[in-house]
PDB file of all heavy atoms in Angstrom:
ATOM      1  N   VAL A   1      -3.032 -19.982  18.186  1.00  0.00           N
ATOM      2  CA  VAL A   1      -2.181 -20.354  17.041  1.00  0.00           C
ATOM      3  C   VAL A   1      -2.995 -20.711  15.869  1.00  0.00           C
ATOM      4  O   VAL A   1      -2.725 -20.279  14.736  1.00  0.00           O
ATOM      5  CB  VAL A   1      -1.249 -21.472  17.394  1.00  0.00           C
ATOM      6  CG1 VAL A   1      -0.468 -22.000  16.183  1.00  0.00           C
ATOM      7  CG2 VAL A   1      -0.264 -21.048  18.535  1.00  0.00           C
ATOM      8  N   VAL A   2      -4.099 -21.508  16.120  1.00  0.00           N
ATOM      9  CA  VAL A   2      -5.041 -21.862  15.053  1.00  0.00           C
ATOM     10  C   VAL A   2      -5.662 -20.705  14.371  1.00  0.00           C
ATOM     11  O   VAL A   2      -5.779 -20.605  13.183  1.00  0.00           O
ATOM     12  CB  VAL A   2      -6.065 -22.819  15.533  1.00  0.00           C
ATOM     13  CG1 VAL A   2      -7.177 -23.105  14.520  1.00  0.00           C
ATOM     14  CG2 VAL A   2      -5.443 -24.158  15.872  1.00  0.00           C
ATOM     15  N   GLU A   3      -6.090 -19.714  15.235  1.00  0.00           N
ATOM     16  CA  GLU A   3      -6.677 -18.507  14.676  1.00  0.00           C
ATOM     17  C   GLU A   3      -5.715 -17.678  13.871  1.00  0.00           C
ATOM     18  O   GLU A   3      -6.148 -17.017  12.895  1.00  0.00           O
ATOM     19  CB  GLU A   3      -7.327 -17.697  15.825  1.00  0.00           C
ATOM     20  CG  GLU A   3      -8.526 -18.300  16.436  1.00  0.00           C
ATOM     21  CD  GLU A   3      -9.680 -18.629  15.484  1.00  0.00           C
ATOM     22  OE1 GLU A   3      -9.934 -17.771  14.603  1.00  0.00           O
ATOM     23  OE2 GLU A   3     -10.152 -19.723  15.460  1.00  0.00           O
ATOM     24  N   LYS A   4      -4.472 -17.673  14.256  1.00  0.00           N
ATOM     25  CA  LYS A   4      -3.452 -16.922  13.442  1.00  0.00           C
ATOM     26  C   LYS A   4      -3.268 -17.533  12.067  1.00  0.00           C
ATOM     27  O   LYS A   4      -2.889 -16.895  11.157  1.00  0.00           O
ATOM     28  CB  LYS A   4      -2.170 -16.849  14.247  1.00  0.00           C
ATOM     29  CG  LYS A   4      -2.175 -15.931  15.329  1.00  0.00           C
ATOM     30  CD  LYS A   4      -0.855 -15.839  15.993  1.00  0.00           C
ATOM     31  CE  LYS A   4      -0.867 -14.907  17.231  1.00  0.00           C
ATOM     32  NZ  LYS A   4       0.412 -14.847  17.898  1.00  0.00           N
ATOM     33  N   LEU A   5      -3.510 -18.855  11.975  1.00  0.00           N
ATOM     34  CA  LEU A   5      -3.366 -19.575  10.697  1.00  0.00           C
ATOM     35  C   LEU A   5      -4.333 -18.974   9.635  1.00  0.00           C
ATOM     36  O   LEU A   5      -4.096 -18.983   8.432  1.00  0.00           O
ATOM     37  CB  LEU A   5      -3.590 -21.060  10.780  1.00  0.00           C
ATOM     38  CG  LEU A   5      -2.644 -21.899  11.603  1.00  0.00           C
ATOM     39  CD1 LEU A   5      -3.151 -23.294  11.652  1.00  0.00           C
ATOM     40  CD2 LEU A   5      -1.244 -21.809  10.999  1.00  0.00           C
ATOM     41  N   PHE A   6      -5.541 -18.468  10.146  1.00  0.00           N
ATOM     42  CA  PHE A   6      -6.586 -18.165   9.191  1.00  0.00           C
ATOM     43  C   PHE A   6      -6.712 -16.588   9.122  1.00  0.00           C
ATOM     44  O   PHE A   6      -7.803 -16.152   8.680  1.00  0.00           O
ATOM     45  CB  PHE A   6      -7.944 -18.754   9.681  1.00  0.00           C
ATOM     46  CG  PHE A   6      -7.925 -20.253   9.412  1.00  0.00           C
ATOM     47  CD1 PHE A   6      -7.734 -21.185  10.444  1.00  0.00           C
ATOM     48  CD2 PHE A   6      -8.172 -20.699   8.118  1.00  0.00           C
ATOM     49  CE1 PHE A   6      -7.780 -22.513  10.146  1.00  0.00           C
ATOM     50  CE2 PHE A   6      -8.141 -22.028   7.822  1.00  0.00           C
ATOM     51  CZ  PHE A   6      -8.011 -22.947   8.881  1.00  0.00           C
ATOM     52  N   VAL A   7      -5.698 -15.841   9.480  1.00  0.00           N
ATOM     53  CA  VAL A   7      -5.766 -14.397   9.263  1.00  0.00           C
ATOM     54  C   VAL A   7      -5.839 -14.103   7.794  1.00  0.00           C
ATOM     55  O   VAL A   7      -4.949 -14.532   7.006  1.00  0.00           O
ATOM     56  CB  VAL A   7      -4.598 -13.638   9.896  1.00  0.00           C
ATOM     57  CG1 VAL A   7      -4.468 -12.264   9.554  1.00  0.00           C
ATOM     58  CG2 VAL A   7      -4.573 -13.796  11.430  1.00  0.00           C
ATOM     59  N   GLY A   8      -6.886 -13.434   7.327  1.00  0.00           N
ATOM     60  CA  GLY A   8      -7.014 -13.159   5.929  1.00  0.00           C
ATOM     61  C   GLY A   8      -7.639 -14.240   5.123  1.00  0.00           C
ATOM     62  O   GLY A   8      -7.519 -14.341   3.921  1.00  0.00           O
ATOM     63  N   ALA A   9      -8.267 -15.223   5.833  1.00  0.00           N
ATOM     64  CA  ALA A   9      -8.919 -16.316   5.102  1.00  0.00           C
ATOM     65  C   ALA A   9     -10.151 -15.914   4.359  1.00  0.00           C
ATOM     66  O   ALA A   9     -10.726 -14.879   4.659  1.00  0.00           O
ATOM     67  CB  ALA A   9      -9.258 -17.460   6.107  1.00  0.00           C
ATOM     68  N   ASN A  10     -10.594 -16.690   3.371  1.00  0.00           N
ATOM     69  CA  ASN A  10     -11.774 -16.508   2.607  1.00  0.00           C
ATOM     70  C   ASN A  10     -11.831 -15.202   1.836  1.00  0.00           C
ATOM     71  O   ASN A  10     -12.851 -14.660   1.523  1.00  0.00           O
ATOM     72  CB  ASN A  10     -13.015 -16.629   3.473  1.00  0.00           C
ATOM     73  CG  ASN A  10     -13.194 -18.004   4.008  1.00  0.00           C
ATOM     74  OD1 ASN A  10     -12.656 -19.019   3.517  1.00  0.00           O
ATOM     75  ND2 ASN A  10     -13.888 -18.121   5.112  1.00  0.00           N
ATOM     76  N   LYS A  11     -10.660 -14.657   1.508  1.00  0.00           N
ATOM     77  CA  LYS A  11     -10.564 -13.450   0.686  1.00  0.00           C
ATOM     78  C   LYS A  11     -10.057 -13.826  -0.680  1.00  0.00           C
ATOM     79  O   LYS A  11      -9.153 -14.685  -0.857  1.00  0.00           O
ATOM     80  CB  LYS A  11      -9.601 -12.417   1.326  1.00  0.00           C
ATOM     81  CG  LYS A  11     -10.182 -11.787   2.590  1.00  0.00           C
ATOM     82  CD  LYS A  11      -9.238 -10.752   3.046  1.00  0.00           C
ATOM     83  CE  LYS A  11      -9.764 -10.127   4.344  1.00  0.00           C
ATOM     84  NZ  LYS A  11      -8.780  -9.171   4.858  1.00  0.00           N
ATOM     85  N   CYS A  12     -10.563 -13.140  -1.724  1.00  0.00           N
ATOM     86  CA  CYS A  12     -10.102 -13.287  -3.054  1.00  0.00           C
ATOM     87  C   CYS A  12      -8.875 -12.446  -3.226  1.00  0.00           C
ATOM     88  O   CYS A  12      -8.807 -11.268  -2.824  1.00  0.00           O
ATOM     89  CB  CYS A  12     -11.192 -12.908  -4.016  1.00  0.00           C
ATOM     90  SG  CYS A  12     -11.137 -13.757  -5.535  1.00  0.00           S
ATOM     91  N   PHE A  13      -7.824 -13.035  -3.743  1.00  0.00           N
ATOM     92  CA  PHE A  13      -6.534 -12.300  -3.899  1.00  0.00           C
ATOM     93  C   PHE A  13      -6.614 -11.240  -4.960  1.00  0.00           C
ATOM     94  O   PHE A  13      -7.111 -11.457  -6.058  1.00  0.00           O
ATOM     95  CB  PHE A  13      -5.361 -13.240  -4.225  1.00  0.00           C
ATOM     96  CG  PHE A  13      -4.125 -12.549  -4.438  1.00  0.00           C
ATOM     97  CD1 PHE A  13      -3.457 -12.018  -3.392  1.00  0.00           C
ATOM     98  CD2 PHE A  13      -3.657 -12.362  -5.747  1.00  0.00           C
ATOM     99  CE1 PHE A  13      -2.221 -11.311  -3.598  1.00  0.00           C
ATOM    100  CE2 PHE A  13      -2.441 -11.680  -5.911  1.00  0.00           C
ATOM    101  CZ  PHE A  13      -1.727 -11.143  -4.879  1.00  0.00           C
ATOM    102  N   LYS A  14      -6.195 -10.034  -4.587  1.00  0.00           N
ATOM    103  CA  LYS A  14      -6.070  -8.928  -5.545  1.00  0.00           C
ATOM    104  C   LYS A  14      -4.702  -8.401  -5.503  1.00  0.00           C
ATOM    105  O   LYS A  14      -4.192  -8.052  -4.440  1.00  0.00           O
ATOM    106  CB  LYS A  14      -7.098  -7.805  -5.240  1.00  0.00           C
ATOM    107  CG  LYS A  14      -8.505  -8.209  -5.376  1.00  0.00           C
ATOM    108  CD  LYS A  14      -9.434  -7.063  -4.998  1.00  0.00           C
ATOM    109  CE  LYS A  14     -10.918  -7.523  -5.080  1.00  0.00           C
ATOM    110  NZ  LYS A  14     -11.773  -6.587  -4.505  1.00  0.00           N
ATOM    111  N   LEU A  15      -3.998  -8.280  -6.680  1.00  0.00           N
ATOM    112  CA  LEU A  15      -2.712  -7.790  -6.800  1.00  0.00           C
ATOM    113  C   LEU A  15      -2.707  -6.276  -6.543  1.00  0.00           C
ATOM    114  O   LEU A  15      -3.509  -5.591  -7.133  1.00  0.00           O
ATOM    115  CB  LEU A  15      -2.107  -8.088  -8.129  1.00  0.00           C
ATOM    116  CG  LEU A  15      -0.670  -7.887  -8.350  1.00  0.00           C
ATOM    117  CD1 LEU A  15       0.171  -8.720  -7.379  1.00  0.00           C
ATOM    118  CD2 LEU A  15      -0.224  -8.125  -9.792  1.00  0.00           C
ATOM    119  N   ARG A  16      -1.797  -5.831  -5.640  1.00  0.00           N
ATOM    120  CA  ARG A  16      -1.674  -4.361  -5.373  1.00  0.00           C
ATOM    121  C   ARG A  16      -0.952  -3.763  -6.509  1.00  0.00           C
ATOM    122  O   ARG A  16       0.161  -4.224  -6.965  1.00  0.00           O
ATOM    123  CB  ARG A  16      -0.888  -4.082  -4.081  1.00  0.00           C
ATOM    124  CG  ARG A  16      -1.711  -4.449  -2.830  1.00  0.00           C
ATOM    125  CD  ARG A  16      -0.955  -4.050  -1.600  1.00  0.00           C
ATOM    126  NE  ARG A  16      -0.713  -2.643  -1.609  1.00  0.00           N
ATOM    127  CZ  ARG A  16       0.408  -2.090  -1.265  1.00  0.00           C
ATOM    128  NH1 ARG A  16       1.427  -2.806  -0.911  1.00  0.00           N
ATOM    129  NH2 ARG A  16       0.556  -0.712  -1.224  1.00  0.00           N
ATOM    130  N   PRO A  17      -1.412  -2.663  -7.141  1.00  0.00           N
ATOM    131  CA  PRO A  17      -0.715  -1.948  -8.233  1.00  0.00           C
ATOM    132  C   PRO A  17       0.477  -1.114  -7.612  1.00  0.00           C
ATOM    133  O   PRO A  17       0.327   0.063  -7.470  1.00  0.00           O
ATOM    134  CB  PRO A  17      -1.871  -1.059  -8.819  1.00  0.00           C
ATOM    135  CG  PRO A  17      -2.766  -0.824  -7.693  1.00  0.00           C
ATOM    136  CD  PRO A  17      -2.725  -2.058  -6.803  1.00  0.00           C
ATOM    137  N   GLY A  18       1.552  -1.798  -7.376  1.00  0.00           N
ATOM    138  CA  GLY A  18       2.708  -1.208  -6.788  1.00  0.00           C
ATOM    139  C   GLY A  18       3.280  -0.074  -7.519  1.00  0.00           C
ATOM    140  O   GLY A  18       3.569   1.008  -6.945  1.00  0.00           O
ATOM    141  N   ALA A  19       3.406  -0.208  -8.862  1.00  0.00           N
ATOM    142  CA  ALA A  19       4.018   0.902  -9.651  1.00  0.00           C
ATOM    143  C   ALA A  19       3.120   2.131  -9.621  1.00  0.00           C
ATOM    144  O   ALA A  19       3.594   3.252  -9.595  1.00  0.00           O
ATOM    145  CB  ALA A  19       4.267   0.402 -11.110  1.00  0.00           C
ATOM    146  N   LYS A  20       1.823   1.889  -9.757  1.00  0.00           N
ATOM    147  CA  LYS A  20       0.853   3.013  -9.709  1.00  0.00           C
ATOM    148  C   LYS A  20       0.857   3.779  -8.379  1.00  0.00           C
ATOM    149  O   LYS A  20       0.863   4.941  -8.406  1.00  0.00           O
ATOM    150  CB  LYS A  20      -0.517   2.458  -9.949  1.00  0.00           C
ATOM    151  CG  LYS A  20      -1.588   3.499 -10.376  1.00  0.00           C
ATOM    152  CD  LYS A  20      -2.870   2.758 -10.564  1.00  0.00           C
ATOM    153  CE  LYS A  20      -3.512   3.187 -11.871  1.00  0.00           C
ATOM    154  NZ  LYS A  20      -4.808   2.541 -12.002  1.00  0.00           N
ATOM    155  N   LEU A  21       0.982   3.019  -7.280  1.00  0.00           N
ATOM    156  CA  LEU A  21       1.058   3.636  -6.017  1.00  0.00           C
ATOM    157  C   LEU A  21       2.409   4.402  -5.837  1.00  0.00           C
ATOM    158  O   LEU A  21       2.343   5.547  -5.225  1.00  0.00           O
ATOM    159  CB  LEU A  21       0.966   2.582  -4.887  1.00  0.00           C
ATOM    160  CG  LEU A  21      -0.357   1.887  -4.810  1.00  0.00           C
ATOM    161  CD1 LEU A  21      -0.287   0.734  -3.757  1.00  0.00           C
ATOM    162  CD2 LEU A  21      -1.423   2.860  -4.359  1.00  0.00           C
ATOM    163  N   GLN A  22       3.452   3.893  -6.323  1.00  0.00           N
ATOM    164  CA  GLN A  22       4.763   4.576  -6.255  1.00  0.00           C
ATOM    165  C   GLN A  22       4.746   5.866  -7.069  1.00  0.00           C
ATOM    166  O   GLN A  22       5.237   6.905  -6.592  1.00  0.00           O
ATOM    167  CB  GLN A  22       5.928   3.687  -6.643  1.00  0.00           C
ATOM    168  CG  GLN A  22       6.334   2.722  -5.580  1.00  0.00           C
ATOM    169  CD  GLN A  22       7.511   1.887  -6.023  1.00  0.00           C
ATOM    170  OE1 GLN A  22       7.689   1.646  -7.222  1.00  0.00           O
ATOM    171  NE2 GLN A  22       8.226   1.386  -5.092  1.00  0.00           N
ATOM    172  N   LYS A  23       4.151   5.755  -8.195  1.00  0.00           N
ATOM    173  CA  LYS A  23       4.043   7.003  -9.167  1.00  0.00           C
ATOM    174  C   LYS A  23       3.209   8.087  -8.495  1.00  0.00           C
ATOM    175  O   LYS A  23       3.641   9.218  -8.453  1.00  0.00           O
ATOM    176  CB  LYS A  23       3.397   6.565 -10.454  1.00  0.00           C
ATOM    177  CG  LYS A  23       3.276   7.712 -11.432  1.00  0.00           C
ATOM    178  CD  LYS A  23       2.625   7.294 -12.697  1.00  0.00           C
ATOM    179  CE  LYS A  23       2.469   8.493 -13.618  1.00  0.00           C
ATOM    180  NZ  LYS A  23       1.627   8.186 -14.747  1.00  0.00           N
ATOM    181  N   ALA A  24       2.110   7.683  -7.863  1.00  0.00           N
ATOM    182  CA  ALA A  24       1.293   8.652  -7.086  1.00  0.00           C
ATOM    183  C   ALA A  24       2.065   9.287  -5.957  1.00  0.00           C
ATOM    184  O   ALA A  24       1.942  10.508  -5.714  1.00  0.00           O
ATOM    185  CB  ALA A  24       0.059   8.032  -6.608  1.00  0.00           C
ATOM    186  N   GLU A  25       2.813   8.514  -5.263  1.00  0.00           N
ATOM    187  CA  GLU A  25       3.693   9.019  -4.133  1.00  0.00           C
ATOM    188  C   GLU A  25       4.675  10.012  -4.599  1.00  0.00           C
ATOM    189  O   GLU A  25       4.917  11.106  -4.026  1.00  0.00           O
ATOM    190  CB  GLU A  25       4.294   7.841  -3.378  1.00  0.00           C
ATOM    191  CG  GLU A  25       5.248   8.228  -2.245  1.00  0.00           C
ATOM    192  CD  GLU A  25       4.535   8.970  -1.122  1.00  0.00           C
ATOM    193  OE1 GLU A  25       3.338   8.734  -0.927  1.00  0.00           O
ATOM    194  OE2 GLU A  25       5.193   9.709  -0.455  1.00  0.00           O
ATOM    195  N   LEU A  26       5.396   9.691  -5.770  1.00  0.00           N
ATOM    196  CA  LEU A  26       6.393  10.576  -6.324  1.00  0.00           C
ATOM    197  C   LEU A  26       5.793  11.885  -6.837  1.00  0.00           C
ATOM    198  O   LEU A  26       6.430  12.940  -6.744  1.00  0.00           O
ATOM    199  CB  LEU A  26       7.163   9.893  -7.429  1.00  0.00           C
ATOM    200  CG  LEU A  26       8.137   8.819  -6.970  1.00  0.00           C
ATOM    201  CD1 LEU A  26       8.696   8.080  -8.137  1.00  0.00           C
ATOM    202  CD2 LEU A  26       9.334   9.502  -6.152  1.00  0.00           C
ATOM    203  N   GLU A  27       4.580  11.766  -7.444  1.00  0.00           N
ATOM    204  CA  GLU A  27       3.976  12.954  -8.056  1.00  0.00           C
ATOM    205  C   GLU A  27       3.162  13.897  -7.164  1.00  0.00           C
ATOM    206  O   GLU A  27       2.701  14.881  -7.631  1.00  0.00           O
ATOM    207  CB  GLU A  27       3.210  12.526  -9.301  1.00  0.00           C
ATOM    208  CG  GLU A  27       4.028  11.961 -10.387  1.00  0.00           C
ATOM    209  CD  GLU A  27       3.252  11.503 -11.558  1.00  0.00           C
ATOM    210  OE1 GLU A  27       1.973  11.290 -11.390  1.00  0.00           O
ATOM    211  OE2 GLU A  27       3.797  11.137 -12.601  1.00  0.00           O
ATOM    212  N   LYS A  28       3.026  13.458  -5.893  1.00  0.00           N
ATOM    213  CA  LYS A  28       2.128  14.284  -5.050  1.00  0.00           C
ATOM    214  C   LYS A  28       2.752  15.616  -4.702  1.00  0.00           C
ATOM    215  O   LYS A  28       4.008  15.703  -4.692  1.00  0.00           O
ATOM    216  CB  LYS A  28       1.719  13.467  -3.780  1.00  0.00           C
ATOM    217  CG  LYS A  28       2.824  13.430  -2.698  1.00  0.00           C
ATOM    218  CD  LYS A  28       2.252  12.755  -1.456  1.00  0.00           C
ATOM    219  CE  LYS A  28       3.313  12.852  -0.346  1.00  0.00           C
ATOM    220  NZ  LYS A  28       2.816  12.231   0.821  1.00  0.00           N
ATOM    221  N   LYS A  29       1.933  16.577  -4.460  1.00  0.00           N
ATOM    222  CA  LYS A  29       2.455  17.944  -4.116  1.00  0.00           C
ATOM    223  C   LYS A  29       3.103  17.936  -2.741  1.00  0.00           C
ATOM    224  O   LYS A  29       2.591  17.294  -1.849  1.00  0.00           O
ATOM    225  CB  LYS A  29       1.243  18.936  -4.137  1.00  0.00           C
ATOM    226  CG  LYS A  29       0.459  18.987  -5.405  1.00  0.00           C
ATOM    227  CD  LYS A  29       1.126  20.028  -6.345  1.00  0.00           C
ATOM    228  CE  LYS A  29       0.238  20.134  -7.553  1.00  0.00           C
ATOM    229  NZ  LYS A  29       0.891  20.429  -8.772  1.00  0.00           N
ATOM    230  N   ARG A  30       4.196  18.698  -2.625  1.00  0.00           N
ATOM    231  CA  ARG A  30       4.908  18.768  -1.351  1.00  0.00           C
ATOM    232  C   ARG A  30       5.055  20.271  -0.960  1.00  0.00           C
ATOM    233  O   ARG A  30       5.172  21.087  -1.800  1.00  0.00           O
ATOM    234  CB  ARG A  30       6.274  18.148  -1.449  1.00  0.00           C
ATOM    235  CG  ARG A  30       6.268  16.672  -1.792  1.00  0.00           C
ATOM    236  CD  ARG A  30       7.629  16.038  -1.665  1.00  0.00           C
ATOM    237  NE  ARG A  30       7.725  14.736  -2.293  1.00  0.00           N
ATOM    238  CZ  ARG A  30       7.202  13.645  -1.738  1.00  0.00           C
ATOM    239  NH1 ARG A  30       6.533  13.677  -0.681  1.00  0.00           N
ATOM    240  NH2 ARG A  30       7.382  12.493  -2.386  1.00  0.00           N
ATOM    241  N   THR A  31       5.061  20.480   0.360  1.00  0.00           N
ATOM    242  CA  THR A  31       5.250  21.862   0.870  1.00  0.00           C
ATOM    243  C   THR A  31       6.687  22.115   0.925  1.00  0.00           C
ATOM    244  O   THR A  31       7.608  21.254   0.772  1.00  0.00           O
ATOM    245  CB  THR A  31       4.727  21.933   2.252  1.00  0.00           C
ATOM    246  OG1 THR A  31       5.416  21.115   3.130  1.00  0.00           O
ATOM    247  CG2 THR A  31       3.181  21.665   2.361  1.00  0.00           C
ATOM    248  N   ARG A  32       7.096  23.437   1.051  1.00  0.00           N
ATOM    249  CA  ARG A  32       8.453  23.851   1.140  1.00  0.00           C
ATOM    250  C   ARG A  32       9.177  23.133   2.260  1.00  0.00           C
ATOM    251  O   ARG A  32      10.368  22.719   2.108  1.00  0.00           O
ATOM    252  CB  ARG A  32       8.538  25.403   1.256  1.00  0.00           C
ATOM    253  CG  ARG A  32       9.998  25.860   1.331  1.00  0.00           C
ATOM    254  CD  ARG A  32      10.181  27.365   1.324  1.00  0.00           C
ATOM    255  NE  ARG A  32       9.984  27.949   0.002  1.00  0.00           N
ATOM    256  CZ  ARG A  32      10.715  27.819  -1.069  1.00  0.00           C
ATOM    257  NH1 ARG A  32      11.697  26.990  -1.040  1.00  0.00           N
ATOM    258  NH2 ARG A  32      10.449  28.452  -2.139  1.00  0.00           N
ATOM    259  N   GLU A  33       8.545  22.990   3.423  1.00  0.00           N
ATOM    260  CA  GLU A  33       9.141  22.397   4.547  1.00  0.00           C
ATOM    261  C   GLU A  33       9.528  20.909   4.223  1.00  0.00           C
ATOM    262  O   GLU A  33      10.580  20.385   4.710  1.00  0.00           O
ATOM    263  CB  GLU A  33       8.242  22.364   5.753  1.00  0.00           C
ATOM    264  CG  GLU A  33       8.040  23.765   6.397  1.00  0.00           C
ATOM    265  CD  GLU A  33       6.897  24.613   5.648  1.00  0.00           C
ATOM    266  OE1 GLU A  33       6.033  23.956   5.102  1.00  0.00           O
ATOM    267  OE2 GLU A  33       7.048  25.837   5.567  1.00  0.00           O
ATOM    268  N   GLU A  34       8.615  20.200   3.520  1.00  0.00           N
ATOM    269  CA  GLU A  34       8.897  18.809   3.163  1.00  0.00           C
ATOM    270  C   GLU A  34      10.064  18.675   2.299  1.00  0.00           C
ATOM    271  O   GLU A  34      10.878  17.845   2.434  1.00  0.00           O
ATOM    272  CB  GLU A  34       7.601  18.164   2.511  1.00  0.00           C
ATOM    273  CG  GLU A  34       6.452  17.883   3.526  1.00  0.00           C
ATOM    274  CD  GLU A  34       5.245  17.419   2.760  1.00  0.00           C
ATOM    275  OE1 GLU A  34       4.928  17.857   1.682  1.00  0.00           O
ATOM    276  OE2 GLU A  34       4.537  16.616   3.425  1.00  0.00           O
ATOM    277  N   TRP A  35      10.134  19.587   1.287  1.00  0.00           N
ATOM    278  CA  TRP A  35      11.304  19.637   0.352  1.00  0.00           C
ATOM    279  C   TRP A  35      12.593  19.915   1.140  1.00  0.00           C
ATOM    280  O   TRP A  35      13.623  19.258   0.888  1.00  0.00           O
ATOM    281  CB  TRP A  35      11.094  20.625  -0.736  1.00  0.00           C
ATOM    282  CG  TRP A  35      10.263  20.150  -1.861  1.00  0.00           C
ATOM    283  CD1 TRP A  35       9.082  20.510  -2.201  1.00  0.00           C
ATOM    284  CD2 TRP A  35      10.556  19.088  -2.789  1.00  0.00           C
ATOM    285  NE1 TRP A  35       8.589  19.855  -3.337  1.00  0.00           N
ATOM    286  CE2 TRP A  35       9.522  18.866  -3.691  1.00  0.00           C
ATOM    287  CE3 TRP A  35      11.692  18.186  -2.915  1.00  0.00           C
ATOM    288  CZ2 TRP A  35       9.513  18.022  -4.676  1.00  0.00           C
ATOM    289  CZ3 TRP A  35      11.685  17.280  -3.927  1.00  0.00           C
ATOM    290  CH2 TRP A  35      10.648  17.139  -4.764  1.00  0.00           C
ATOM    291  N   GLU A  36      12.566  20.794   2.066  1.00  0.00           N
ATOM    292  CA  GLU A  36      13.814  21.153   2.849  1.00  0.00           C
ATOM    293  C   GLU A  36      14.247  19.998   3.642  1.00  0.00           C
ATOM    294  O   GLU A  36      15.401  19.726   3.793  1.00  0.00           O
ATOM    295  CB  GLU A  36      13.530  22.404   3.705  1.00  0.00           C
ATOM    296  CG  GLU A  36      13.477  23.687   2.845  1.00  0.00           C
ATOM    297  CD  GLU A  36      13.051  24.893   3.638  1.00  0.00           C
ATOM    298  OE1 GLU A  36      12.624  24.733   4.885  1.00  0.00           O
ATOM    299  OE2 GLU A  36      13.088  25.982   3.068  1.00  0.00           O
TER     300      GLU A  36
END
């Protein structure tokens, strides 16, 4: 339990660029099978 408390400890927080990641997901190339 004590070890679970420190998962991700001593890391500097960095904000994930959510909008940028979503834009990349929407704009990526898709095959015909994926579109169907």
